[in-house]
């Protein structure tokens, strides 16, 4: 049985996380959803292959700070930042991390396209 690519989703909006898990599941992706950064960090080891989809506005630690902690722990999964109305400073921080931003509201297939691009070497 083929292994489904894994998307690690961190978003505190439960309805959105559920909708994305369902939608991505239909596309053959396995979604592991977390409601905040601390829960993901406490979960332990992450898969070697897959990608991260991180909401920037999380309770506690924000998405880019979470990414910094993961990078410091040698997690090299590609990451996508999801947020609304990113200002120039946030865009610069994300660019410095090599992390694309997909803007909310998620009205198109931009997030799925970004995830597929992030997973491309692994699909």
PDB file of N, CA and C in Angstrom:
ATOM      1  N   UNK A   1       0.841  -1.176   0.000  1.00  0.00           N
ATOM      2  CA  UNK A   1       0.000   0.000   0.000  1.00  0.00           C
ATOM      3  C   UNK A   1       0.890   1.245   0.000  1.00  0.00           C
ATOM      4  N   UNK A   2       0.692   2.175  -0.930  1.00  0.00           N
ATOM      5  CA  UNK A   2       1.552   3.354  -0.994  1.00  0.00           C
ATOM      6  C   UNK A   2       1.359   4.268   0.224  1.00  0.00           C
ATOM      7  N   UNK A   3       2.445   4.908   0.610  1.00  0.00           N
ATOM      8  CA  UNK A   3       2.397   5.839   1.735  1.00  0.00           C
ATOM      9  C   UNK A   3       1.866   7.177   1.239  1.00  0.00           C
ATOM     10  N   UNK A   4       0.890   7.723   1.967  1.00  0.00           N
ATOM     11  CA  UNK A   4       0.332   9.028   1.595  1.00  0.00           C
ATOM     12  C   UNK A   4       1.227  10.130   2.134  1.00  0.00           C
ATOM     13  N   UNK A   5       1.484  11.175   1.338  1.00  0.00           N
ATOM     14  CA  UNK A   5       2.271  12.312   1.830  1.00  0.00           C
ATOM     15  C   UNK A   5       1.595  12.939   3.049  1.00  0.00           C
ATOM     16  N   UNK A   6       2.404  13.395   3.991  1.00  0.00           N
ATOM     17  CA  UNK A   6       1.897  13.926   5.258  1.00  0.00           C
ATOM     18  C   UNK A   6       1.978  15.441   5.278  1.00  0.00           C
ATOM     19  N   UNK A   7       0.878  16.061   5.693  1.00  0.00           N
ATOM     20  CA  UNK A   7       0.812  17.504   5.922  1.00  0.00           C
ATOM     21  C   UNK A   7       0.604  17.708   7.414  1.00  0.00           C
ATOM     22  N   UNK A   8       1.529  18.414   8.043  1.00  0.00           N
ATOM     23  CA  UNK A   8       1.395  18.786   9.450  1.00  0.00           C
ATOM     24  C   UNK A   8       0.750  20.169   9.455  1.00  0.00           C
ATOM     25  N   UNK A   9      -0.482  20.246   9.933  1.00  0.00           N
ATOM     26  CA  UNK A   9      -1.260  21.484   9.938  1.00  0.00           C
ATOM     27  C   UNK A   9      -1.354  22.015  11.360  1.00  0.00           C
ATOM     28  N   UNK A  10      -0.970  23.274  11.561  1.00  0.00           N
ATOM     29  CA  UNK A  10      -1.110  23.911  12.865  1.00  0.00           C
ATOM     30  C   UNK A  10      -1.979  25.141  12.679  1.00  0.00           C
ATOM     31  N   UNK A  11      -3.235  25.039  13.160  1.00  0.00           N
ATOM     32  CA  UNK A  11      -4.204  26.136  13.042  1.00  0.00           C
ATOM     33  C   UNK A  11      -5.199  25.994  14.169  1.00  0.00           C
ATOM     34  N   UNK A  12      -5.478  27.087  14.853  1.00  0.00           N
ATOM     35  CA  UNK A  12      -6.396  27.041  15.990  1.00  0.00           C
ATOM     36  C   UNK A  12      -7.865  27.104  15.587  1.00  0.00           C
ATOM     37  N   UNK A  13      -8.160  27.276  14.326  1.00  0.00           N
ATOM     38  CA  UNK A  13      -9.538  27.289  13.832  1.00  0.00           C
ATOM     39  C   UNK A  13      -9.937  25.845  13.525  1.00  0.00           C
ATOM     40  N   UNK A  14     -10.688  25.226  14.449  1.00  0.00           N
ATOM     41  CA  UNK A  14     -11.030  23.816  14.307  1.00  0.00           C
ATOM     42  C   UNK A  14     -11.821  23.528  13.039  1.00  0.00           C
ATOM     43  N   UNK A  15     -12.747  24.412  12.691  1.00  0.00           N
ATOM     44  CA  UNK A  15     -13.559  24.198  11.489  1.00  0.00           C
ATOM     45  C   UNK A  15     -12.681  24.215  10.237  1.00  0.00           C
ATOM     46  N   UNK A  16     -11.760  25.155  10.180  1.00  0.00           N
ATOM     47  CA  UNK A  16     -10.855  25.230   9.037  1.00  0.00           C
ATOM     48  C   UNK A  16      -9.956  23.999   8.983  1.00  0.00           C
ATOM     49  N   UNK A  17      -9.409  23.595  10.118  1.00  0.00           N
ATOM     50  CA  UNK A  17      -8.540  22.425  10.160  1.00  0.00           C
ATOM     51  C   UNK A  17      -9.295  21.182   9.688  1.00  0.00           C
ATOM     52  N   UNK A  18     -10.528  21.027  10.130  1.00  0.00           N
ATOM     53  CA  UNK A  18     -11.335  19.878   9.713  1.00  0.00           C
ATOM     54  C   UNK A  18     -11.588  19.931   8.206  1.00  0.00           C
ATOM     55  N   UNK A  19     -11.952  21.102   7.689  1.00  0.00           N
ATOM     56  CA  UNK A  19     -12.229  21.254   6.257  1.00  0.00           C
ATOM     57  C   UNK A  19     -10.978  20.964   5.427  1.00  0.00           C
ATOM     58  N   UNK A  20      -9.825  21.465   5.876  1.00  0.00           N
ATOM     59  CA  UNK A  20      -8.585  21.212   5.145  1.00  0.00           C
ATOM     60  C   UNK A  20      -8.206  19.732   5.196  1.00  0.00           C
ATOM     61  N   UNK A  21      -8.381  19.097   6.352  1.00  0.00           N
ATOM     62  CA  UNK A  21      -8.073  17.671   6.459  1.00  0.00           C
ATOM     63  C   UNK A  21      -8.947  16.867   5.500  1.00  0.00           C
ATOM     64  N   UNK A  22     -10.217  17.207   5.425  1.00  0.00           N
ATOM     65  CA  UNK A  22     -11.131  16.512   4.520  1.00  0.00           C
ATOM     66  C   UNK A  22     -10.725  16.753   3.061  1.00  0.00           C
ATOM     67  N   UNK A  23     -10.524  18.011   2.713  1.00  0.00           N
ATOM     68  CA  UNK A  23     -10.171  18.372   1.337  1.00  0.00           C
ATOM     69  C   UNK A  23      -8.839  17.753   0.918  1.00  0.00           C
ATOM     70  N   UNK A  24      -7.834  17.856   1.768  1.00  0.00           N
ATOM     71  CA  UNK A  24      -6.528  17.295   1.446  1.00  0.00           C
ATOM     72  C   UNK A  24      -6.589  15.765   1.397  1.00  0.00           C
ATOM     73  N   UNK A  25      -7.427  15.179   2.252  1.00  0.00           N
ATOM     74  CA  UNK A  25      -7.606  13.733   2.223  1.00  0.00           C
ATOM     75  C   UNK A  25      -8.134  13.265   0.880  1.00  0.00           C
ATOM     76  N   UNK A  26      -9.061  14.027   0.308  1.00  0.00           N
ATOM     77  CA  UNK A  26      -9.582  13.698  -1.016  1.00  0.00           C
ATOM     78  C   UNK A  26      -8.489  13.766  -2.080  1.00  0.00           C
ATOM     79  N   UNK A  27      -7.458  14.554  -1.818  1.00  0.00           N
ATOM     80  CA  UNK A  27      -6.329  14.698  -2.752  1.00  0.00           C
ATOM     81  C   UNK A  27      -5.217  13.684  -2.483  1.00  0.00           C
ATOM     82  N   UNK A  28      -5.467  12.762  -1.548  1.00  0.00           N
ATOM     83  CA  UNK A  28      -4.477  11.727  -1.265  1.00  0.00           C
ATOM     84  C   UNK A  28      -3.430  12.110  -0.246  1.00  0.00           C
ATOM     85  N   UNK A  29      -3.706  13.140   0.538  1.00  0.00           N
ATOM     86  CA  UNK A  29      -2.754  13.599   1.555  1.00  0.00           C
ATOM     87  C   UNK A  29      -3.241  13.189   2.943  1.00  0.00           C
ATOM     88  N   UNK A  30      -2.323  12.895   3.814  1.00  0.00           N
ATOM     89  CA  UNK A  30      -2.616  12.552   5.204  1.00  0.00           C
ATOM     90  C   UNK A  30      -2.352  13.797   6.048  1.00  0.00           C
ATOM     91  N   UNK A  31      -3.374  14.321   6.710  1.00  0.00           N
ATOM     92  CA  UNK A  31      -3.228  15.540   7.505  1.00  0.00           C
ATOM     93  C   UNK A  31      -3.202  15.199   8.987  1.00  0.00           C
ATOM     94  N   UNK A  32      -2.214  15.740   9.662  1.00  0.00           N
ATOM     95  CA  UNK A  32      -2.131  15.649  11.126  1.00  0.00           C
ATOM     96  C   UNK A  32      -2.290  17.067  11.650  1.00  0.00           C
ATOM     97  N   UNK A  33      -3.408  17.332  12.303  1.00  0.00           N
ATOM     98  CA  UNK A  33      -3.750  18.700  12.717  1.00  0.00           C
ATOM     99  C   UNK A  33      -3.468  18.926  14.200  1.00  0.00           C
ATOM    100  N   UNK A  34      -2.978  20.131  14.480  1.00  0.00           N
ATOM    101  CA  UNK A  34      -2.684  20.572  15.843  1.00  0.00           C
ATOM    102  C   UNK A  34      -3.275  21.961  16.017  1.00  0.00           C
ATOM    103  N   UNK A  35      -3.785  22.258  17.202  1.00  0.00           N
ATOM    104  CA  UNK A  35      -4.448  23.529  17.456  1.00  0.00           C
ATOM    105  C   UNK A  35      -3.526  24.654  17.874  1.00  0.00           C
ATOM    106  N   UNK A  36      -2.280  24.325  18.244  1.00  0.00           N
ATOM    107  CA  UNK A  36      -1.329  25.359  18.639  1.00  0.00           C
ATOM    108  C   UNK A  36       0.090  24.813  18.557  1.00  0.00           C
ATOM    109  N   UNK A  37       1.036  25.710  18.649  1.00  0.00           N
ATOM    110  CA  UNK A  37       2.448  25.357  18.510  1.00  0.00           C
ATOM    111  C   UNK A  37       2.908  24.427  19.624  1.00  0.00           C
ATOM    112  N   UNK A  38       2.485  24.721  20.823  1.00  0.00           N
ATOM    113  CA  UNK A  38       2.938  23.950  21.971  1.00  0.00           C
ATOM    114  C   UNK A  38       2.516  22.486  21.871  1.00  0.00           C
ATOM    115  N   UNK A  39       1.311  22.232  21.371  1.00  0.00           N
ATOM    116  CA  UNK A  39       0.838  20.849  21.217  1.00  0.00           C
ATOM    117  C   UNK A  39       1.680  20.107  20.189  1.00  0.00           C
ATOM    118  N   UNK A  40       2.003  20.770  19.103  1.00  0.00           N
ATOM    119  CA  UNK A  40       2.871  20.139  18.103  1.00  0.00           C
ATOM    120  C   UNK A  40       4.242  19.841  18.695  1.00  0.00           C
ATOM    121  N   UNK A  41       4.827  20.795  19.392  1.00  0.00           N
ATOM    122  CA  UNK A  41       6.154  20.588  19.970  1.00  0.00           C
ATOM    123  C   UNK A  41       6.152  19.458  21.001  1.00  0.00           C
ATOM    124  N   UNK A  42       5.060  19.317  21.735  1.00  0.00           N
ATOM    125  CA  UNK A  42       4.957  18.262  22.745  1.00  0.00           C
ATOM    126  C   UNK A  42       4.685  16.892  22.126  1.00  0.00           C
ATOM    127  N   UNK A  43       4.247  16.873  20.876  1.00  0.00           N
ATOM    128  CA  UNK A  43       3.877  15.609  20.224  1.00  0.00           C
ATOM    129  C   UNK A  43       5.082  14.718  19.955  1.00  0.00           C
ATOM    130  N   UNK A  44       6.257  15.285  19.943  1.00  0.00           N
ATOM    131  CA  UNK A  44       7.446  14.475  19.713  1.00  0.00           C
ATOM    132  C   UNK A  44       7.903  14.512  18.274  1.00  0.00           C
ATOM    133  N   UNK A  45       8.466  13.415  17.838  1.00  0.00           N
ATOM    134  CA  UNK A  45       9.107  13.334  16.524  1.00  0.00           C
ATOM    135  C   UNK A  45       8.114  13.578  15.392  1.00  0.00           C
ATOM    136  N   UNK A  46       8.571  14.321  14.406  1.00  0.00           N
ATOM    137  CA  UNK A  46       7.794  14.564  13.197  1.00  0.00           C
ATOM    138  C   UNK A  46       8.293  13.639  12.093  1.00  0.00           C
ATOM    139  N   UNK A  47       7.470  13.410  11.091  1.00  0.00           N
ATOM    140  CA  UNK A  47       7.920  12.544   9.999  1.00  0.00           C
ATOM    141  C   UNK A  47       9.090  13.169   9.244  1.00  0.00           C
ATOM    142  N   UNK A  48       9.876  12.326   8.597  1.00  0.00           N
ATOM    143  CA  UNK A  48      10.999  12.828   7.804  1.00  0.00           C
ATOM    144  C   UNK A  48      10.537  13.498   6.525  1.00  0.00           C
ATOM    145  N   UNK A  49       9.417  13.030   5.991  1.00  0.00           N
ATOM    146  CA  UNK A  49       8.910  13.535   4.721  1.00  0.00           C
ATOM    147  C   UNK A  49       7.514  14.106   4.923  1.00  0.00           C
ATOM    148  N   UNK A  50       7.228  15.169   4.202  1.00  0.00           N
ATOM    149  CA  UNK A  50       5.939  15.838   4.302  1.00  0.00           C
ATOM    150  C   UNK A  50       6.146  17.328   4.224  1.00  0.00           C
ATOM    151  N   UNK A  51       5.173  18.074   4.721  1.00  0.00           N
ATOM    152  CA  UNK A  51       5.334  19.524   4.785  1.00  0.00           C
ATOM    153  C   UNK A  51       4.537  20.081   5.956  1.00  0.00           C
ATOM    154  N   UNK A  52       4.894  21.287   6.332  1.00  0.00           N
ATOM    155  CA  UNK A  52       4.241  22.012   7.418  1.00  0.00           C
ATOM    156  C   UNK A  52       3.341  23.089   6.829  1.00  0.00           C
ATOM    157  N   UNK A  53       2.135  23.210   7.355  1.00  0.00           N
ATOM    158  CA  UNK A  53       1.254  24.330   7.041  1.00  0.00           C
ATOM    159  C   UNK A  53       0.963  24.993   8.378  1.00  0.00           C
ATOM    160  N   UNK A  54       1.500  26.203   8.548  1.00  0.00           N
ATOM    161  CA  UNK A  54       1.449  26.888   9.842  1.00  0.00           C
ATOM    162  C   UNK A  54       0.659  28.180   9.741  1.00  0.00           C
ATOM    163  N   UNK A  55      -0.384  28.286  10.557  1.00  0.00           N
ATOM    164  CA  UNK A  55      -1.082  29.558  10.675  1.00  0.00           C
ATOM    165  C   UNK A  55      -0.150  30.503  11.425  1.00  0.00           C
ATOM    166  N   UNK A  56      -0.106  31.750  11.016  1.00  0.00           N
ATOM    167  CA  UNK A  56       0.770  32.678  11.725  1.00  0.00           C
ATOM    168  C   UNK A  56       0.156  33.116  13.054  1.00  0.00           C
ATOM    169  N   UNK A  57      -1.142  33.369  13.066  1.00  0.00           N
ATOM    170  CA  UNK A  57      -1.810  33.867  14.277  1.00  0.00           C
ATOM    171  C   UNK A  57      -2.334  32.701  15.101  1.00  0.00           C
ATOM    172  N   UNK A  58      -1.474  32.211  15.983  1.00  0.00           N
ATOM    173  CA  UNK A  58      -1.812  31.109  16.869  1.00  0.00           C
ATOM    174  C   UNK A  58      -1.833  31.608  18.307  1.00  0.00           C
ATOM    175  N   UNK A  59      -2.574  30.940  19.173  1.00  0.00           N
ATOM    176  CA  UNK A  59      -2.467  31.295  20.592  1.00  0.00           C
ATOM    177  C   UNK A  59      -1.066  30.933  21.082  1.00  0.00           C
ATOM    178  N   UNK A  60      -0.474  31.770  21.876  1.00  0.00           N
ATOM    179  CA  UNK A  60       0.886  31.505  22.336  1.00  0.00           C
ATOM    180  C   UNK A  60       1.891  31.864  21.256  1.00  0.00           C
ATOM    181  N   UNK A  61       2.690  30.907  20.863  1.00  0.00           N
ATOM    182  CA  UNK A  61       3.746  31.107  19.875  1.00  0.00           C
ATOM    183  C   UNK A  61       3.158  31.245  18.467  1.00  0.00           C
ATOM    184  N   UNK A  62       3.622  32.247  17.704  1.00  0.00           N
ATOM    185  CA  UNK A  62       3.115  32.411  16.331  1.00  0.00           C
ATOM    186  C   UNK A  62       3.784  31.417  15.383  1.00  0.00           C
ATOM    187  N   UNK A  63       3.264  31.344  14.164  1.00  0.00           N
ATOM    188  CA  UNK A  63       3.720  30.365  13.189  1.00  0.00           C
ATOM    189  C   UNK A  63       5.189  30.458  12.832  1.00  0.00           C
ATOM    190  N   UNK A  64       5.710  31.660  12.641  1.00  0.00           N
ATOM    191  CA  UNK A  64       7.133  31.787  12.288  1.00  0.00           C
ATOM    192  C   UNK A  64       8.039  31.489  13.474  1.00  0.00           C
ATOM    193  N   UNK A  65       7.602  31.807  14.666  1.00  0.00           N
ATOM    194  CA  UNK A  65       8.384  31.440  15.855  1.00  0.00           C
ATOM    195  C   UNK A  65       8.410  29.923  16.007  1.00  0.00           C
ATOM    196  N   UNK A  66       7.271  29.276  15.748  1.00  0.00           N
ATOM    197  CA  UNK A  66       7.221  27.813  15.762  1.00  0.00           C
ATOM    198  C   UNK A  66       8.187  27.245  14.735  1.00  0.00           C
ATOM    199  N   UNK A  67       8.192  27.799  13.546  1.00  0.00           N
ATOM    200  CA  UNK A  67       9.101  27.325  12.512  1.00  0.00           C
ATOM    201  C   UNK A  67      10.552  27.477  12.971  1.00  0.00           C
ATOM    202  N   UNK A  68      10.871  28.590  13.614  1.00  0.00           N
ATOM    203  CA  UNK A  68      12.217  28.786  14.142  1.00  0.00           C
ATOM    204  C   UNK A  68      12.600  27.718  15.153  1.00  0.00           C
ATOM    205  N   UNK A  69      11.665  27.364  16.028  1.00  0.00           N
ATOM    206  CA  UNK A  69      11.929  26.305  17.020  1.00  0.00           C
ATOM    207  C   UNK A  69      12.130  24.956  16.339  1.00  0.00           C
ATOM    208  N   UNK A  70      11.310  24.687  15.315  1.00  0.00           N
ATOM    209  CA  UNK A  70      11.451  23.417  14.594  1.00  0.00           C
ATOM    210  C   UNK A  70      12.784  23.356  13.859  1.00  0.00           C
ATOM    211  N   UNK A  71      13.176  24.454  13.224  1.00  0.00           N
ATOM    212  CA  UNK A  71      14.462  24.486  12.525  1.00  0.00           C
ATOM    213  C   UNK A  71      15.619  24.289  13.505  1.00  0.00           C
ATOM    214  N   UNK A  72      15.515  24.897  14.694  1.00  0.00           N
ATOM    215  CA  UNK A  72      16.549  24.731  15.717  1.00  0.00           C
ATOM    216  C   UNK A  72      16.637  23.279  16.187  1.00  0.00           C
ATOM    217  N   UNK A  73      15.522  22.548  16.065  1.00  0.00           N
ATOM    218  CA  UNK A  73      15.492  21.129  16.428  1.00  0.00           C
ATOM    219  C   UNK A  73      15.798  20.233  15.229  1.00  0.00           C
ATOM    220  N   UNK A  74      16.324  20.816  14.159  1.00  0.00           N
ATOM    221  CA  UNK A  74      16.744  20.097  12.949  1.00  0.00           C
ATOM    222  C   UNK A  74      15.589  19.525  12.134  1.00  0.00           C
ATOM    223  N   UNK A  75      14.393  20.093  12.265  1.00  0.00           N
ATOM    224  CA  UNK A  75      13.270  19.696  11.409  1.00  0.00           C
ATOM    225  C   UNK A  75      13.409  20.482  10.111  1.00  0.00           C
ATOM    226  N   UNK A  76      13.533  19.784   9.005  1.00  0.00           N
ATOM    227  CA  UNK A  76      13.784  20.416   7.709  1.00  0.00           C
ATOM    228  C   UNK A  76      12.609  20.294   6.742  1.00  0.00           C
ATOM    229  N   UNK A  77      11.439  19.920   7.236  1.00  0.00           N
ATOM    230  CA  UNK A  77      10.268  19.834   6.366  1.00  0.00           C
ATOM    231  C   UNK A  77       9.997  21.193   5.735  1.00  0.00           C
ATOM    232  N   UNK A  78       9.618  21.224   4.452  1.00  0.00           N
ATOM    233  CA  UNK A  78       9.232  22.507   3.862  1.00  0.00           C
ATOM    234  C   UNK A  78       8.018  23.058   4.585  1.00  0.00           C
ATOM    235  N   UNK A  79       7.917  24.377   4.640  1.00  0.00           N
ATOM    236  CA  UNK A  79       6.832  25.012   5.390  1.00  0.00           C
ATOM    237  C   UNK A  79       6.112  26.044   4.540  1.00  0.00           C
ATOM    238  N   UNK A  80       4.826  26.209   4.855  1.00  0.00           N
ATOM    239  CA  UNK A  80       3.972  27.218   4.234  1.00  0.00           C
ATOM    240  C   UNK A  80       3.312  27.974   5.375  1.00  0.00           C
ATOM    241  N   UNK A  81       3.333  29.292   5.300  1.00  0.00           N
ATOM    242  CA  UNK A  81       2.695  30.127   6.314  1.00  0.00           C
ATOM    243  C   UNK A  81       1.351  30.597   5.782  1.00  0.00           C
ATOM    244  N   UNK A  82       0.325  30.470   6.614  1.00  0.00           N
ATOM    245  CA  UNK A  82      -1.018  30.904   6.247  1.00  0.00           C
ATOM    246  C   UNK A  82      -1.402  32.050   7.175  1.00  0.00           C
ATOM    247  N   UNK A  83      -1.835  33.168   6.582  1.00  0.00           N
ATOM    248  CA  UNK A  83      -2.221  34.318   7.390  1.00  0.00           C
ATOM    249  C   UNK A  83      -3.059  35.267   6.555  1.00  0.00           C
ATOM    250  N   UNK A  84      -3.671  36.207   7.228  1.00  0.00           N
ATOM    251  CA  UNK A  84      -4.413  37.247   6.513  1.00  0.00           C
ATOM    252  C   UNK A  84      -3.669  38.568   6.634  1.00  0.00           C
ATOM    253  N   UNK A  85      -3.717  39.333   5.583  1.00  0.00           N
ATOM    254  CA  UNK A  85      -3.125  40.665   5.542  1.00  0.00           C
ATOM    255  C   UNK A  85      -1.684  40.729   6.044  1.00  0.00           C
ATOM    256  N   UNK A  86      -0.775  39.947   5.461  1.00  0.00           N
ATOM    257  CA  UNK A  86       0.613  40.019   5.923  1.00  0.00           C
ATOM    258  C   UNK A  86       1.254  41.346   5.533  1.00  0.00           C
ATOM    259  N   UNK A  87       1.845  41.992   6.500  1.00  0.00           N
ATOM    260  CA  UNK A  87       2.522  43.254   6.241  1.00  0.00           C
ATOM    261  C   UNK A  87       3.922  43.020   5.709  1.00  0.00           C
ATOM    262  N   UNK A  88       4.615  44.096   5.345  1.00  0.00           N
ATOM    263  CA  UNK A  88       5.964  43.975   4.794  1.00  0.00           C
ATOM    264  C   UNK A  88       6.946  43.281   5.750  1.00  0.00           C
ATOM    265  N   UNK A  89       6.845  43.543   7.042  1.00  0.00           N
ATOM    266  CA  UNK A  89       7.771  42.931   7.996  1.00  0.00           C
ATOM    267  C   UNK A  89       7.572  41.412   8.053  1.00  0.00           C
ATOM    268  N   UNK A  90       6.325  40.980   8.069  1.00  0.00           N
ATOM    269  CA  UNK A  90       6.049  39.543   8.096  1.00  0.00           C
ATOM    270  C   UNK A  90       6.482  38.885   6.791  1.00  0.00           C
ATOM    271  N   UNK A  91       6.224  39.555   5.680  1.00  0.00           N
ATOM    272  CA  UNK A  91       6.655  39.015   4.385  1.00  0.00           C
ATOM    273  C   UNK A  91       8.181  38.861   4.345  1.00  0.00           C
ATOM    274  N   UNK A  92       8.887  39.835   4.896  1.00  0.00           N
ATOM    275  CA  UNK A  92      10.353  39.776   4.922  1.00  0.00           C
ATOM    276  C   UNK A  92      10.842  38.631   5.813  1.00  0.00           C
ATOM    277  N   UNK A  93      10.207  38.463   6.977  1.00  0.00           N
ATOM    278  CA  UNK A  93      10.583  37.362   7.878  1.00  0.00           C
ATOM    279  C   UNK A  93      10.337  36.008   7.212  1.00  0.00           C
ATOM    280  N   UNK A  94       9.198  35.872   6.563  1.00  0.00           N
ATOM    281  CA  UNK A  94       8.876  34.602   5.897  1.00  0.00           C
ATOM    282  C   UNK A  94       9.859  34.342   4.754  1.00  0.00           C
ATOM    283  N   UNK A  95      10.163  35.375   3.985  1.00  0.00           N
ATOM    284  CA  UNK A  95      11.109  35.225   2.881  1.00  0.00           C
ATOM    285  C   UNK A  95      12.489  34.817   3.396  1.00  0.00           C
ATOM    286  N   UNK A  96      12.901  35.389   4.516  1.00  0.00           N
ATOM    287  CA  UNK A  96      14.197  35.048   5.094  1.00  0.00           C
ATOM    288  C   UNK A  96      14.252  33.583   5.511  1.00  0.00           C
ATOM    289  N   UNK A  97      13.101  33.022   5.831  1.00  0.00           N
ATOM    290  CA  UNK A  97      13.012  31.604   6.198  1.00  0.00           C
ATOM    291  C   UNK A  97      12.805  30.710   4.982  1.00  0.00           C
ATOM    292  N   UNK A  98      12.611  31.332   3.815  1.00  0.00           N
ATOM    293  CA  UNK A  98      12.314  30.551   2.619  1.00  0.00           C
ATOM    294  C   UNK A  98      10.921  29.964   2.644  1.00  0.00           C
ATOM    295  N   UNK A  99      10.004  30.660   3.316  1.00  0.00           N
ATOM    296  CA  UNK A  99       8.654  30.141   3.520  1.00  0.00           C
ATOM    297  C   UNK A  99       7.640  30.964   2.749  1.00  0.00           C
ATOM    298  N   UNK A 100       6.931  30.340   1.812  1.00  0.00           N
ATOM    299  CA  UNK A 100       5.889  31.078   1.096  1.00  0.00           C
ATOM    300  C   UNK A 100       4.697  31.366   2.004  1.00  0.00           C
ATOM    301  N   UNK A 101       3.989  32.437   1.680  1.00  0.00           N
ATOM    302  CA  UNK A 101       2.775  32.810   2.410  1.00  0.00           C
ATOM    303  C   UNK A 101       1.571  32.578   1.506  1.00  0.00           C
ATOM    304  N   UNK A 102       0.553  31.938   2.059  1.00  0.00           N
ATOM    305  CA  UNK A 102      -0.742  31.820   1.393  1.00  0.00           C
ATOM    306  C   UNK A 102      -1.711  32.623   2.243  1.00  0.00           C
ATOM    307  N   UNK A 103      -2.386  33.571   1.596  1.00  0.00           N
ATOM    308  CA  UNK A 103      -3.253  34.479   2.342  1.00  0.00           C
ATOM    309  C   UNK A 103      -4.653  33.929   2.551  1.00  0.00           C
ATOM    310  N   UNK A 104      -5.157  34.169   3.760  1.00  0.00           N
ATOM    311  CA  UNK A 104      -6.548  33.882   4.087  1.00  0.00           C
ATOM    312  C   UNK A 104      -7.381  35.075   3.647  1.00  0.00           C
ATOM    313  N   UNK A 105      -8.603  34.907   3.291  1.00  0.00           N
ATOM    314  CA  UNK A 105      -9.342  33.649   3.300  1.00  0.00           C
ATOM    315  C   UNK A 105      -8.891  32.742   2.159  1.00  0.00           C
ATOM    316  N   UNK A 106      -9.006  31.451   2.397  1.00  0.00           N
ATOM    317  CA  UNK A 106      -8.563  30.446   1.433  1.00  0.00           C
ATOM    318  C   UNK A 106      -9.683  30.172   0.438  1.00  0.00           C
ATOM    319  N   UNK A 107      -9.809  31.062  -0.534  1.00  0.00           N
ATOM    320  CA  UNK A 107     -10.921  30.996  -1.478  1.00  0.00           C
ATOM    321  C   UNK A 107     -10.571  30.274  -2.775  1.00  0.00           C
ATOM    322  N   UNK A 108      -9.309  30.005  -3.000  1.00  0.00           N
ATOM    323  CA  UNK A 108      -8.887  29.340  -4.237  1.00  0.00           C
ATOM    324  C   UNK A 108      -8.122  28.074  -3.852  1.00  0.00           C
ATOM    325  N   UNK A 109      -7.482  27.478  -4.813  1.00  0.00           N
ATOM    326  CA  UNK A 109      -6.671  26.294  -4.534  1.00  0.00           C
ATOM    327  C   UNK A 109      -5.205  26.664  -4.273  1.00  0.00           C
ATOM    328  N   UNK A 110      -4.951  27.895  -3.880  1.00  0.00           N
ATOM    329  CA  UNK A 110      -3.566  28.357  -3.661  1.00  0.00           C
ATOM    330  C   UNK A 110      -2.848  27.535  -2.593  1.00  0.00           C
ATOM    331  N   UNK A 111      -3.541  27.175  -1.523  1.00  0.00           N
ATOM    332  CA  UNK A 111      -2.885  26.399  -0.471  1.00  0.00           C
ATOM    333  C   UNK A 111      -2.568  24.992  -0.976  1.00  0.00           C
ATOM    334  N   UNK A 112      -3.499  24.342  -1.631  1.00  0.00           N
ATOM    335  CA  UNK A 112      -3.238  23.012  -2.175  1.00  0.00           C
ATOM    336  C   UNK A 112      -2.086  23.053  -3.179  1.00  0.00           C
ATOM    337  N   UNK A 113      -2.057  24.078  -4.010  1.00  0.00           N
ATOM    338  CA  UNK A 113      -0.965  24.232  -4.978  1.00  0.00           C
ATOM    339  C   UNK A 113       0.373  24.389  -4.257  1.00  0.00           C
ATOM    340  N   UNK A 114       0.396  25.193  -3.193  1.00  0.00           N
ATOM    341  CA  UNK A 114       1.635  25.394  -2.424  1.00  0.00           C
ATOM    342  C   UNK A 114       2.068  24.096  -1.741  1.00  0.00           C
ATOM    343  N   UNK A 115       1.109  23.339  -1.216  1.00  0.00           N
ATOM    344  CA  UNK A 115       1.427  22.066  -0.574  1.00  0.00           C
ATOM    345  C   UNK A 115       1.988  21.094  -1.602  1.00  0.00           C
ATOM    346  N   UNK A 116       1.346  20.998  -2.743  1.00  0.00           N
ATOM    347  CA  UNK A 116       1.844  20.096  -3.802  1.00  0.00           C
ATOM    348  C   UNK A 116       3.268  20.494  -4.213  1.00  0.00           C
ATOM    349  N   UNK A 117       3.501  21.790  -4.334  1.00  0.00           N
ATOM    350  CA  UNK A 117       4.842  22.277  -4.694  1.00  0.00           C
ATOM    351  C   UNK A 117       5.856  21.879  -3.612  1.00  0.00           C
ATOM    352  N   UNK A 118       5.465  22.030  -2.342  1.00  0.00           N
ATOM    353  CA  UNK A 118       6.359  21.686  -1.241  1.00  0.00           C
ATOM    354  C   UNK A 118       6.656  20.185  -1.202  1.00  0.00           C
ATOM    355  N   UNK A 119       5.696  19.394  -1.589  1.00  0.00           N
ATOM    356  CA  UNK A 119       5.851  17.939  -1.573  1.00  0.00           C
ATOM    357  C   UNK A 119       6.453  17.392  -2.864  1.00  0.00           C
ATOM    358  N   UNK A 120       6.594  18.221  -3.872  1.00  0.00           N
ATOM    359  CA  UNK A 120       6.984  17.769  -5.211  1.00  0.00           C
ATOM    360  C   UNK A 120       8.152  16.774  -5.222  1.00  0.00           C
ATOM    361  N   UNK A 121       9.246  17.051  -4.549  1.00  0.00           N
ATOM    362  CA  UNK A 121      10.354  16.084  -4.607  1.00  0.00           C
ATOM    363  C   UNK A 121       9.972  14.736  -4.011  1.00  0.00           C
ATOM    364  N   UNK A 122       8.901  14.709  -3.219  1.00  0.00           N
ATOM    365  CA  UNK A 122       8.539  13.500  -2.493  1.00  0.00           C
ATOM    366  C   UNK A 122       7.352  12.763  -3.117  1.00  0.00           C
ATOM    367  N   UNK A 123       6.684  13.375  -4.074  1.00  0.00           N
ATOM    368  CA  UNK A 123       5.525  12.716  -4.691  1.00  0.00           C
ATOM    369  C   UNK A 123       5.950  11.791  -5.808  1.00  0.00           C
TER     370      UNK A 123
END
